[in-house]
Every structure is written in C-alpha cells, then in structure tokens.
C-alpha cells in the first residue's frame, strides 16, 4: 500500500489564470494546503516563472506559506530545478523532498471555461 508523501502544485493556469488570482479558487486552495499539511503531506509549488502579487510585491508561494502557517517549498525552473518541461524536473523535486522515485503521477489541470 502506498502512502501519499507530497503533492506538487503548479501556478500557471491552475492557481493563477490569465495573470489573475481567482479569490474563490485561492480560498479553496488554502483549505486544501492546510488539510494536506495537517496530515503530514508536503505541498510543493513548482513554476518556470516568478509569480509576484502586484499590490504587496511578494511572491505568491510566500503569501501562501504565510496564510497556511508553514513554509511551502517552492521550486523555480532554471533556478532550483530543471525547467518543468524537462524529464528530470519532477524527479529533482521528489529527490530533494525525500520522496524517492516517482511511482505514480497524476496531473490535474483546471478546465478553461
């Protein structure tokens, strides 16, 4: 039986759509991040770009970490890991987070409406 150790979230077209944050989606995401953290499942954020909230000039992963109440690891392609589109990117994140080799991967994308 497998145990879920971590969940990898992307920002583009999932948490940030067309350059804007959907407040309802963000509230639900925060609930999910807190739920995962309370069950010892590590949420991780990956992106190929730096995502800055305009008003505060802070990176969105830092804002999420503050709201959730613990530091959410943030990997940026070309800085902390290979770019996301390259095969080694997610393996790098998994190894860095001590999750071992990837056994099963599920990709969920928000449907465009």
Protein backbone atom coordinates (compact mmCIF):
# COMPACT_ATOMS: atom_id res chain seq x y z
CA UNK A 1 0.00 0.00 0.00
CA UNK A 2 1.27 3.45 -0.89
CA UNK A 3 1.33 6.45 1.41
CA UNK A 4 0.95 9.92 -0.05
CA UNK A 5 4.02 11.94 0.95
CA UNK A 6 3.65 15.06 -1.13
CA UNK A 7 1.61 16.95 -3.68
CA UNK A 8 3.14 19.13 -6.39
CA UNK A 9 1.19 22.22 -7.42
CA UNK A 10 1.81 24.43 -10.42
CA UNK A 11 0.83 28.10 -10.59
CA UNK A 12 0.23 28.84 -14.27
CA UNK A 13 -3.33 28.05 -15.34
CA UNK A 14 -4.05 26.34 -12.02
CA UNK A 15 -3.74 28.86 -9.18
CA UNK A 16 -3.07 31.84 -11.43
CA UNK A 17 -5.25 32.01 -14.54
CA UNK A 18 -4.62 34.65 -17.21
CA UNK A 19 -2.39 36.54 -14.78
CA UNK A 20 -5.09 36.89 -12.11
CA UNK A 21 -5.89 35.08 -8.91
CA UNK A 22 -9.46 33.84 -8.61
CA UNK A 23 -10.37 34.58 -4.94
CA UNK A 24 -12.75 31.60 -4.65
CA UNK A 25 -10.16 29.24 -6.13
CA UNK A 26 -7.47 30.69 -3.84
CA UNK A 27 -9.66 30.16 -0.75
CA UNK A 28 -10.25 26.53 -1.74
CA UNK A 29 -6.53 26.08 -2.44
CA UNK A 30 -5.65 27.41 1.02
CA UNK A 31 -8.11 24.96 2.59
CA UNK A 32 -6.54 22.11 0.63
CA UNK A 33 -2.98 23.16 1.56
CA UNK A 34 -3.93 23.29 5.27
CA UNK A 35 -5.68 19.92 5.01
CA UNK A 36 -2.61 18.31 3.43
CA UNK A 37 -0.19 19.87 5.91
CA UNK A 38 -2.31 18.68 8.85
CA UNK A 39 -2.00 15.12 7.52
CA UNK A 40 1.80 15.29 7.08
CA UNK A 41 1.53 15.51 3.29
CA UNK A 42 4.01 18.07 1.97
CA UNK A 43 2.59 20.50 -0.57
CA UNK A 44 5.23 21.77 -3.02
CA UNK A 45 4.88 24.56 -5.58
CA UNK A 46 6.75 24.45 -8.90
CA UNK A 47 6.89 27.04 -11.64
CA UNK A 48 9.07 28.15 -14.51
CA UNK A 49 8.32 31.80 -13.74
CA UNK A 50 8.39 34.08 -10.73
CA UNK A 51 4.85 34.93 -9.65
CA UNK A 52 4.56 38.24 -7.82
CA UNK A 53 1.38 39.59 -6.24
CA UNK A 54 1.21 43.15 -7.58
CA UNK A 55 -0.01 45.04 -4.52
CA UNK A 56 2.42 43.55 -1.99
CA UNK A 57 5.31 42.84 -4.41
CA UNK A 58 5.68 39.41 -2.76
CA UNK A 59 5.94 36.02 -4.42
CA UNK A 60 2.69 34.09 -4.33
CA UNK A 61 4.29 31.00 -2.71
CA UNK A 62 5.48 33.20 0.19
CA UNK A 63 1.96 34.57 0.64
CA UNK A 64 0.51 31.03 0.62
CA UNK A 65 3.11 29.88 3.17
CA UNK A 66 2.16 32.73 5.48
CA UNK A 67 -1.57 32.04 5.21
CA UNK A 68 -1.19 28.26 5.62
CA UNK A 69 1.11 28.67 8.61
CA UNK A 70 4.18 26.79 7.43
CA UNK A 71 6.82 27.16 4.72
CA UNK A 72 5.71 25.58 1.45
CA UNK A 73 8.72 24.51 -0.63
CA UNK A 74 8.93 26.47 -3.89
CA UNK A 75 10.98 25.32 -6.87
CA UNK A 76 11.50 27.55 -9.87
CA UNK A 77 12.66 26.11 -13.18
CA UNK A 78 16.10 27.29 -14.21
CA UNK A 79 16.89 28.34 -10.64
CA UNK A 80 16.10 25.48 -8.24
CA UNK A 81 15.40 22.67 -10.70
CA UNK A 82 15.46 21.98 -14.43
CA UNK A 83 12.67 23.70 -16.34
CA UNK A 84 9.37 21.89 -15.77
CA UNK A 85 9.10 20.59 -19.32
CA UNK A 86 12.31 18.56 -18.97
CA UNK A 87 12.17 14.97 -17.77
CA UNK A 88 14.38 15.47 -14.71
CA UNK A 89 12.43 18.34 -13.19
CA UNK A 90 9.89 16.44 -11.09
CA UNK A 91 12.41 13.74 -10.18
CA UNK A 92 14.65 16.51 -8.83
CA UNK A 93 11.80 17.86 -6.69
CA UNK A 94 10.90 14.39 -5.42
CA UNK A 95 14.51 13.58 -4.51
CA UNK A 96 15.01 16.95 -2.83
CA UNK A 97 11.84 16.39 -0.79
CA UNK A 98 12.97 12.84 0.14
CA UNK A 99 10.01 11.29 -1.64
CA UNK A 100 12.11 8.78 -3.54
CA UNK A 101 11.41 7.77 -7.09
CA UNK A 102 8.15 8.69 -8.71
CA UNK A 103 5.83 5.71 -8.85
CA UNK A 104 2.56 7.25 -9.90
CA UNK A 105 1.88 10.72 -11.18
CA UNK A 106 -1.49 12.36 -11.62
CA UNK A 107 -1.79 15.64 -13.45
CA UNK A 108 -4.81 17.82 -12.80
CA UNK A 109 -5.42 20.95 -14.85
CA UNK A 110 -8.18 23.43 -14.38
CA UNK A 111 -10.63 23.36 -17.24
CA UNK A 112 -10.79 26.55 -19.22
CA UNK A 113 -14.27 27.98 -19.42
